[in-house]
Amino acid sequence: MENKISLFEEKEVRKIWYDSDWYFSVVDVIAILTENDYQKARNYWKWLKNKLNEEGSQLVSATNQLKMKAKDNKYYNTDVIDTGQVLRLIQTIPSPKAEPFKLWLAQVGAERIEEIQDPELAVKRAREIYEQKGYSKSWIDNRMLWNKKPK
């Protein structure tokens, strides 16, 4: 399993590579679509899960739980869905962010395919993300060289 964070309009979406597919944190996706903070997005997901269950939606039954890193740097079981399920989730939430999010999701998938074909692209993308987050060149070099977090 590989935990990663992707950025959609400067907002974090936790994702994990598991069983030959990307899985995304449901609450992170909802937070973006509803433009709410984490706690409100979590409450919305709880409400939406109940509503979808009552309607007999397969989206909820297809939801998995995988351990993902939280803001406190601890790993917790987190509701996750794959790319196709994210697209179904988007359809259930009225949001002006839906179309840009679909485009972003397609880009994430295309990037992963490119990285499988040329692993050097993954290294370049990691460098770019660290630069965008404001890390120094020496910090990035050390991180990439040793694959450890520099102190």
N, C-alpha and C. Protein backbone atom coordinates (compact mmCIF):
# COMPACT_ATOMS: atom_id res chain seq x y z
N MET A 1 0.84 -1.18 0.00
CA MET A 1 0.00 0.00 0.00
C MET A 1 0.88 1.23 0.00
N GLU A 2 0.46 2.23 -0.71
CA GLU A 2 1.22 3.45 -0.84
C GLU A 2 0.29 4.62 -0.56
N ASN A 3 0.52 5.35 0.55
CA ASN A 3 -0.26 6.52 0.90
C ASN A 3 0.32 7.74 0.21
N LYS A 4 -0.53 8.53 -0.39
CA LYS A 4 -0.08 9.77 -1.02
C LYS A 4 -1.12 10.84 -0.81
N ILE A 5 -0.72 12.05 -1.07
CA ILE A 5 -1.65 13.17 -1.04
C ILE A 5 -1.59 13.85 -2.39
N SER A 6 -2.74 14.09 -2.97
CA SER A 6 -2.83 14.85 -4.21
C SER A 6 -3.47 16.18 -3.88
N LEU A 7 -3.22 17.15 -4.71
CA LEU A 7 -3.80 18.47 -4.49
C LEU A 7 -4.82 18.79 -5.56
N PHE A 8 -5.98 19.23 -5.13
CA PHE A 8 -7.02 19.73 -6.02
C PHE A 8 -7.29 21.14 -5.57
N GLU A 9 -6.91 22.11 -6.42
CA GLU A 9 -7.08 23.52 -6.09
C GLU A 9 -6.52 23.84 -4.70
N GLU A 10 -5.32 23.37 -4.43
CA GLU A 10 -4.59 23.61 -3.18
C GLU A 10 -5.20 22.89 -1.98
N LYS A 11 -6.15 22.00 -2.19
CA LYS A 11 -6.73 21.24 -1.09
C LYS A 11 -6.25 19.80 -1.20
N GLU A 12 -5.98 19.21 -0.04
CA GLU A 12 -5.44 17.86 -0.02
C GLU A 12 -6.53 16.81 -0.16
N VAL A 13 -6.22 15.80 -0.97
CA VAL A 13 -7.08 14.63 -1.11
C VAL A 13 -6.18 13.43 -0.86
N ARG A 14 -6.43 12.73 0.22
CA ARG A 14 -5.62 11.56 0.52
C ARG A 14 -6.01 10.44 -0.43
N LYS A 15 -4.98 9.77 -0.94
CA LYS A 15 -5.23 8.64 -1.82
C LYS A 15 -4.23 7.55 -1.47
N ILE A 16 -4.59 6.32 -1.83
CA ILE A 16 -3.73 5.19 -1.53
C ILE A 16 -3.80 4.21 -2.70
N TRP A 17 -2.64 3.70 -3.08
CA TRP A 17 -2.56 2.69 -4.14
C TRP A 17 -2.69 1.35 -3.45
N TYR A 18 -3.76 0.63 -3.78
CA TYR A 18 -4.03 -0.64 -3.11
C TYR A 18 -4.70 -1.58 -4.10
N ASP A 19 -4.22 -2.79 -4.17
CA ASP A 19 -4.83 -3.81 -5.00
C ASP A 19 -5.02 -3.33 -6.45
N SER A 20 -3.97 -2.73 -7.00
CA SER A 20 -3.92 -2.27 -8.40
C SER A 20 -4.90 -1.16 -8.74
N ASP A 21 -5.22 -0.31 -7.77
CA ASP A 21 -6.13 0.80 -8.04
C ASP A 21 -5.89 1.92 -7.04
N TRP A 22 -6.24 3.14 -7.42
CA TRP A 22 -6.19 4.26 -6.49
C TRP A 22 -7.50 4.31 -5.71
N TYR A 23 -7.40 4.55 -4.42
CA TYR A 23 -8.56 4.77 -3.56
C TYR A 23 -8.40 6.14 -2.92
N PHE A 24 -9.52 6.87 -2.83
CA PHE A 24 -9.52 8.24 -2.33
C PHE A 24 -10.35 8.33 -1.06
N SER A 25 -9.93 9.19 -0.14
CA SER A 25 -10.68 9.42 1.09
C SER A 25 -12.02 10.06 0.74
N VAL A 26 -13.11 9.42 1.15
CA VAL A 26 -14.45 9.93 0.88
C VAL A 26 -14.63 11.31 1.51
N VAL A 27 -14.21 11.45 2.75
CA VAL A 27 -14.41 12.72 3.45
C VAL A 27 -13.63 13.85 2.78
N ASP A 28 -12.42 13.57 2.29
CA ASP A 28 -11.65 14.60 1.60
C ASP A 28 -12.36 15.06 0.33
N VAL A 29 -12.93 14.11 -0.41
CA VAL A 29 -13.66 14.45 -1.64
C VAL A 29 -14.88 15.29 -1.29
N ILE A 30 -15.62 14.87 -0.26
CA ILE A 30 -16.81 15.61 0.14
C ILE A 30 -16.45 17.01 0.63
N ALA A 31 -15.35 17.14 1.36
CA ALA A 31 -14.93 18.46 1.84
C ALA A 31 -14.71 19.42 0.67
N ILE A 32 -14.13 18.91 -0.40
CA ILE A 32 -13.90 19.76 -1.58
C ILE A 32 -15.21 20.10 -2.28
N LEU A 33 -16.04 19.09 -2.48
CA LEU A 33 -17.29 19.32 -3.21
C LEU A 33 -18.26 20.22 -2.46
N THR A 34 -18.29 20.09 -1.14
CA THR A 34 -19.22 20.91 -0.35
C THR A 34 -18.57 22.19 0.17
N GLU A 35 -17.26 22.31 -0.04
CA GLU A 35 -16.49 23.46 0.45
C GLU A 35 -16.65 23.64 1.95
N ASN A 36 -16.58 22.51 2.66
CA ASN A 36 -16.69 22.50 4.11
C ASN A 36 -15.38 22.04 4.74
N ASP A 37 -15.27 22.25 6.06
CA ASP A 37 -14.10 21.75 6.77
C ASP A 37 -14.27 20.24 6.99
N TYR A 38 -13.24 19.64 7.54
CA TYR A 38 -13.21 18.18 7.70
C TYR A 38 -14.40 17.67 8.52
N GLN A 39 -14.67 18.30 9.67
CA GLN A 39 -15.73 17.82 10.55
C GLN A 39 -17.10 17.91 9.89
N LYS A 40 -17.37 19.01 9.21
CA LYS A 40 -18.67 19.15 8.52
C LYS A 40 -18.77 18.15 7.37
N ALA A 41 -17.66 17.91 6.68
CA ALA A 41 -17.66 16.92 5.59
C ALA A 41 -17.89 15.53 6.16
N ARG A 42 -17.33 15.25 7.31
CA ARG A 42 -17.52 13.95 7.96
C ARG A 42 -18.98 13.74 8.34
N ASN A 43 -19.60 14.79 8.88
CA ASN A 43 -21.02 14.71 9.23
C ASN A 43 -21.88 14.55 7.99
N TYR A 44 -21.51 15.25 6.92
CA TYR A 44 -22.26 15.14 5.67
C TYR A 44 -22.17 13.71 5.14
N TRP A 45 -20.99 13.10 5.20
CA TRP A 45 -20.82 11.73 4.73
C TRP A 45 -21.68 10.76 5.55
N LYS A 46 -21.72 10.98 6.86
CA LYS A 46 -22.53 10.13 7.74
C LYS A 46 -24.01 10.24 7.32
N TRP A 47 -24.48 11.45 7.10
CA TRP A 47 -25.86 11.67 6.67
C TRP A 47 -26.10 11.05 5.29
N LEU A 48 -25.17 11.29 4.36
CA LEU A 48 -25.32 10.79 2.99
C LEU A 48 -25.30 9.26 2.95
N LYS A 49 -24.44 8.65 3.76
CA LYS A 49 -24.40 7.18 3.82
C LYS A 49 -25.76 6.61 4.21
N ASN A 50 -26.36 7.19 5.23
CA ASN A 50 -27.69 6.73 5.67
C ASN A 50 -28.72 6.90 4.56
N LYS A 51 -28.68 8.05 3.91
CA LYS A 51 -29.64 8.33 2.83
C LYS A 51 -29.45 7.34 1.67
N LEU A 52 -28.21 7.13 1.27
CA LEU A 52 -27.93 6.21 0.17
C LEU A 52 -28.28 4.77 0.53
N ASN A 53 -28.05 4.39 1.78
CA ASN A 53 -28.44 3.05 2.25
C ASN A 53 -29.94 2.84 2.12
N GLU A 54 -30.70 3.85 2.55
CA GLU A 54 -32.16 3.77 2.46
C GLU A 54 -32.63 3.64 1.02
N GLU A 55 -31.89 4.28 0.10
CA GLU A 55 -32.24 4.22 -1.32
C GLU A 55 -31.74 2.95 -1.99
N GLY A 56 -30.97 2.16 -1.26
CA GLY A 56 -30.43 0.92 -1.82
C GLY A 56 -29.24 1.13 -2.74
N SER A 57 -28.55 2.25 -2.58
CA SER A 57 -27.39 2.54 -3.42
C SER A 57 -26.25 1.57 -3.13
N GLN A 58 -25.59 1.11 -4.18
CA GLN A 58 -24.45 0.21 -4.02
C GLN A 58 -23.17 0.97 -3.68
N LEU A 59 -23.20 2.29 -3.79
CA LEU A 59 -22.01 3.08 -3.50
C LEU A 59 -21.54 2.84 -2.07
N VAL A 60 -22.46 2.84 -1.13
CA VAL A 60 -22.08 2.66 0.28
C VAL A 60 -21.56 1.26 0.53
N SER A 61 -22.20 0.25 -0.04
CA SER A 61 -21.74 -1.12 0.18
C SER A 61 -20.39 -1.37 -0.48
N ALA A 62 -20.06 -0.57 -1.49
CA ALA A 62 -18.78 -0.73 -2.18
C ALA A 62 -17.66 0.05 -1.51
N THR A 63 -17.99 0.82 -0.48
CA THR A 63 -16.99 1.61 0.24
C THR A 63 -16.10 0.68 1.06
N ASN A 64 -14.81 0.90 0.99
CA ASN A 64 -13.84 0.12 1.77
C ASN A 64 -13.26 1.00 2.87
N GLN A 65 -12.55 0.39 3.78
CA GLN A 65 -11.78 1.13 4.77
C GLN A 65 -10.33 0.71 4.68
N LEU A 66 -9.47 1.69 4.54
CA LEU A 66 -8.03 1.46 4.54
C LEU A 66 -7.39 2.44 5.50
N LYS A 67 -6.23 2.09 6.02
CA LYS A 67 -5.54 2.99 6.94
C LYS A 67 -4.91 4.13 6.15
N MET A 68 -5.25 5.35 6.57
CA MET A 68 -4.68 6.54 5.95
C MET A 68 -4.17 7.48 7.03
N LYS A 69 -3.17 8.23 6.68
CA LYS A 69 -2.55 9.16 7.61
C LYS A 69 -3.46 10.38 7.80
N ALA A 70 -3.69 10.73 9.06
CA ALA A 70 -4.51 11.89 9.39
C ALA A 70 -3.62 13.09 9.71
N LYS A 71 -4.24 14.22 9.98
CA LYS A 71 -3.49 15.45 10.28
C LYS A 71 -2.58 15.28 11.49
N ASP A 72 -2.95 14.39 12.42
CA ASP A 72 -2.13 14.18 13.62
C ASP A 72 -0.99 13.19 13.37
N ASN A 73 -0.77 12.83 12.09
CA ASN A 73 0.29 11.91 11.65
C ASN A 73 0.08 10.47 12.12
N LYS A 74 -1.10 10.16 12.60
CA LYS A 74 -1.43 8.78 12.96
C LYS A 74 -2.26 8.19 11.83
N TYR A 75 -2.27 6.87 11.75
CA TYR A 75 -3.02 6.17 10.72
C TYR A 75 -4.34 5.65 11.29
N TYR A 76 -5.42 5.94 10.57
CA TYR A 76 -6.75 5.50 10.99
C TYR A 76 -7.46 4.83 9.83
N ASN A 77 -8.37 3.89 10.15
CA ASN A 77 -9.22 3.34 9.13
C ASN A 77 -10.09 4.47 8.58
N THR A 78 -10.08 4.58 7.27
CA THR A 78 -10.75 5.69 6.60
C THR A 78 -11.61 5.13 5.48
N ASP A 79 -12.83 5.66 5.35
CA ASP A 79 -13.67 5.25 4.23
C ASP A 79 -13.03 5.72 2.94
N VAL A 80 -12.83 4.78 2.02
CA VAL A 80 -12.22 5.09 0.73
C VAL A 80 -13.05 4.51 -0.40
N ILE A 81 -12.94 5.14 -1.56
CA ILE A 81 -13.62 4.66 -2.76
C ILE A 81 -12.68 4.79 -3.95
N ASP A 82 -12.90 3.93 -4.94
CA ASP A 82 -12.05 3.98 -6.13
C ASP A 82 -12.54 5.07 -7.08
N THR A 83 -11.85 5.21 -8.18
CA THR A 83 -12.14 6.28 -9.13
C THR A 83 -13.58 6.25 -9.64
N GLY A 84 -14.06 5.09 -10.01
CA GLY A 84 -15.43 4.98 -10.50
C GLY A 84 -16.45 5.36 -9.44
N GLN A 85 -16.17 4.96 -8.21
CA GLN A 85 -17.07 5.30 -7.10
C GLN A 85 -17.03 6.79 -6.80
N VAL A 86 -15.85 7.42 -6.97
CA VAL A 86 -15.77 8.87 -6.77
C VAL A 86 -16.69 9.57 -7.77
N LEU A 87 -16.68 9.10 -9.00
CA LEU A 87 -17.55 9.70 -10.01
C LEU A 87 -19.02 9.54 -9.64
N ARG A 88 -19.39 8.40 -9.08
CA ARG A 88 -20.78 8.20 -8.63
C ARG A 88 -21.08 9.11 -7.44
N LEU A 89 -20.12 9.26 -6.53
CA LEU A 89 -20.31 10.15 -5.38
C LEU A 89 -20.55 11.58 -5.85
N ILE A 90 -19.76 12.01 -6.82
CA ILE A 90 -19.90 13.37 -7.35
C ILE A 90 -21.31 13.61 -7.86
N GLN A 91 -21.91 12.59 -8.47
CA GLN A 91 -23.26 12.74 -9.00
C GLN A 91 -24.30 12.91 -7.90
N THR A 92 -24.01 12.48 -6.68
CA THR A 92 -24.98 12.57 -5.59
C THR A 92 -24.91 13.90 -4.84
N ILE A 93 -23.85 14.66 -5.08
CA ILE A 93 -23.64 15.92 -4.34
C ILE A 93 -23.74 17.09 -5.31
N PRO A 94 -24.77 17.90 -5.18
CA PRO A 94 -24.86 19.07 -6.06
C PRO A 94 -23.73 20.06 -5.72
N SER A 95 -22.87 20.33 -6.69
CA SER A 95 -21.72 21.18 -6.41
C SER A 95 -21.16 21.77 -7.70
N PRO A 96 -20.80 23.06 -7.66
CA PRO A 96 -20.13 23.66 -8.81
C PRO A 96 -18.71 23.11 -8.99
N LYS A 97 -18.18 22.42 -7.99
CA LYS A 97 -16.84 21.85 -8.06
C LYS A 97 -16.83 20.50 -8.76
N ALA A 98 -18.00 19.96 -9.08
CA ALA A 98 -18.08 18.60 -9.62
C ALA A 98 -17.30 18.44 -10.92
N GLU A 99 -17.52 19.30 -11.90
CA GLU A 99 -16.86 19.14 -13.20
C GLU A 99 -15.34 19.33 -13.10
N PRO A 100 -14.86 20.39 -12.42
CA PRO A 100 -13.40 20.49 -12.26
C PRO A 100 -12.80 19.29 -11.52
N PHE A 101 -13.55 18.73 -10.56
CA PHE A 101 -13.05 17.58 -9.83
C PHE A 101 -12.96 16.36 -10.73
N LYS A 102 -13.92 16.17 -11.62
CA LYS A 102 -13.88 15.06 -12.57
C LYS A 102 -12.65 15.19 -13.47
N LEU A 103 -12.37 16.40 -13.93
CA LEU A 103 -11.20 16.62 -14.78
C LEU A 103 -9.91 16.33 -14.01
N TRP A 104 -9.86 16.76 -12.76
CA TRP A 104 -8.69 16.51 -11.92
C TRP A 104 -8.50 15.01 -11.73
N LEU A 105 -9.59 14.30 -11.48
CA LEU A 105 -9.52 12.86 -11.27
C LEU A 105 -8.98 12.14 -12.51
N ALA A 106 -9.43 12.58 -13.67
CA ALA A 106 -8.93 12.00 -14.92
C ALA A 106 -7.43 12.26 -15.06
N GLN A 107 -6.99 13.44 -14.65
CA GLN A 107 -5.57 13.79 -14.72
C GLN A 107 -4.75 12.90 -13.78
N VAL A 108 -5.25 12.67 -12.56
CA VAL A 108 -4.56 11.80 -11.61
C VAL A 108 -4.37 10.40 -12.21
N GLY A 109 -5.42 9.88 -12.82
CA GLY A 109 -5.34 8.56 -13.45
C GLY A 109 -4.35 8.53 -14.59
N ALA A 110 -4.37 9.56 -15.42
CA ALA A 110 -3.44 9.62 -16.55
C ALA A 110 -1.99 9.70 -16.05
N GLU A 111 -1.77 10.47 -14.99
CA GLU A 111 -0.42 10.59 -14.43
C GLU A 111 0.08 9.25 -13.91
N ARG A 112 -0.79 8.51 -13.26
CA ARG A 112 -0.38 7.21 -12.72
C ARG A 112 0.01 6.26 -13.85
N ILE A 113 -0.74 6.28 -14.93
CA ILE A 113 -0.42 5.43 -16.08
C ILE A 113 0.94 5.83 -16.64
N GLU A 114 1.18 7.14 -16.74
CA GLU A 114 2.48 7.61 -17.23
C GLU A 114 3.61 7.17 -16.30
N GLU A 115 3.37 7.23 -14.97
CA GLU A 115 4.39 6.85 -13.99
C GLU A 115 4.70 5.36 -14.06
N ILE A 116 3.71 4.55 -14.37
CA ILE A 116 3.95 3.11 -14.52
C ILE A 116 4.84 2.87 -15.73
N GLN A 117 4.61 3.63 -16.80
CA GLN A 117 5.40 3.46 -18.01
C GLN A 117 6.80 4.04 -17.85
N ASP A 118 6.93 5.13 -17.08
CA ASP A 118 8.22 5.79 -16.89
C ASP A 118 8.33 6.24 -15.43
N PRO A 119 8.88 5.40 -14.52
CA PRO A 119 8.95 5.73 -13.10
C PRO A 119 9.68 7.03 -12.78
N GLU A 120 10.55 7.49 -13.68
CA GLU A 120 11.25 8.75 -13.44
C GLU A 120 10.26 9.92 -13.33
N LEU A 121 9.13 9.81 -14.02
CA LEU A 121 8.11 10.86 -13.94
C LEU A 121 7.57 10.99 -12.51
N ALA A 122 7.44 9.88 -11.80
CA ALA A 122 6.97 9.92 -10.41
C ALA A 122 7.94 10.72 -9.54
N VAL A 123 9.23 10.52 -9.78
CA VAL A 123 10.25 11.25 -9.03
C VAL A 123 10.16 12.75 -9.34
N LYS A 124 10.02 13.09 -10.60
CA LYS A 124 9.90 14.50 -10.99
C LYS A 124 8.65 15.14 -10.38
N ARG A 125 7.54 14.43 -10.40
CA ARG A 125 6.30 14.97 -9.82
C ARG A 125 6.45 15.18 -8.31
N ALA A 126 7.11 14.24 -7.64
CA ALA A 126 7.33 14.38 -6.20
C ALA A 126 8.14 15.63 -5.91
N ARG A 127 9.19 15.86 -6.68
CA ARG A 127 10.00 17.07 -6.51
C ARG A 127 9.16 18.33 -6.67
N GLU A 128 8.33 18.35 -7.71
CA GLU A 128 7.48 19.52 -7.97
C GLU A 128 6.51 19.78 -6.82
N ILE A 129 5.96 18.72 -6.27
CA ILE A 129 5.01 18.89 -5.16
C ILE A 129 5.73 19.44 -3.93
N TYR A 130 6.92 18.89 -3.62
CA TYR A 130 7.68 19.40 -2.49
C TYR A 130 8.04 20.87 -2.70
N GLU A 131 8.40 21.24 -3.92
CA GLU A 131 8.71 22.65 -4.22
C GLU A 131 7.49 23.53 -4.01
N GLN A 132 6.34 23.06 -4.49
CA GLN A 132 5.09 23.83 -4.31
C GLN A 132 4.75 24.01 -2.85
N LYS A 133 5.13 23.03 -2.03
CA LYS A 133 4.86 23.11 -0.59
C LYS A 133 5.89 23.98 0.13
N GLY A 134 6.90 24.44 -0.59
CA GLY A 134 7.86 25.36 -0.02
C GLY A 134 9.11 24.75 0.60
N TYR A 135 9.35 23.47 0.36
CA TYR A 135 10.55 22.84 0.90
C TYR A 135 11.78 23.31 0.12
N SER A 136 12.91 23.38 0.82
CA SER A 136 14.16 23.81 0.19
C SER A 136 14.70 22.72 -0.72
N LYS A 137 15.56 23.15 -1.67
CA LYS A 137 16.17 22.20 -2.59
C LYS A 137 16.98 21.14 -1.83
N SER A 138 17.71 21.56 -0.80
CA SER A 138 18.52 20.59 -0.05
C SER A 138 17.63 19.60 0.70
N TRP A 139 16.51 20.08 1.26
CA TRP A 139 15.57 19.18 1.94
C TRP A 139 15.03 18.15 0.95
N ILE A 140 14.63 18.63 -0.23
CA ILE A 140 14.07 17.75 -1.25
C ILE A 140 15.11 16.73 -1.70
N ASP A 141 16.33 17.21 -1.96
CA ASP A 141 17.39 16.29 -2.39
C ASP A 141 17.63 15.20 -1.35
N ASN A 142 17.69 15.60 -0.08
CA ASN A 142 17.91 14.64 0.99
C ASN A 142 16.76 13.65 1.07
N ARG A 143 15.55 14.14 0.97
CA ARG A 143 14.35 13.28 1.03
C ARG A 143 14.35 12.28 -0.12
N MET A 144 14.66 12.75 -1.31
CA MET A 144 14.62 11.89 -2.48
C MET A 144 15.77 10.89 -2.47
N LEU A 145 16.93 11.32 -1.98
CA LEU A 145 18.09 10.46 -1.96
C LEU A 145 17.93 9.31 -0.97
N TRP A 146 17.44 9.64 0.21
CA TRP A 146 17.38 8.63 1.27
C TRP A 146 15.97 8.10 1.49
N ASN A 147 15.00 8.70 0.82
CA ASN A 147 13.60 8.31 0.99
C ASN A 147 13.20 8.33 2.46
N LYS A 148 13.71 9.33 3.17
CA LYS A 148 13.37 9.54 4.58
C LYS A 148 12.99 11.00 4.75
N LYS A 149 12.29 11.28 5.83
CA LYS A 149 11.99 12.65 6.14
C LYS A 149 13.22 13.28 6.78
N PRO A 150 13.75 14.35 6.19
CA PRO A 150 14.87 15.05 6.84
C PRO A 150 14.42 15.72 8.12
N LYS A 151 15.35 15.86 9.03
CA LYS A 151 15.01 16.51 10.32
C LYS A 151 15.03 18.01 10.18
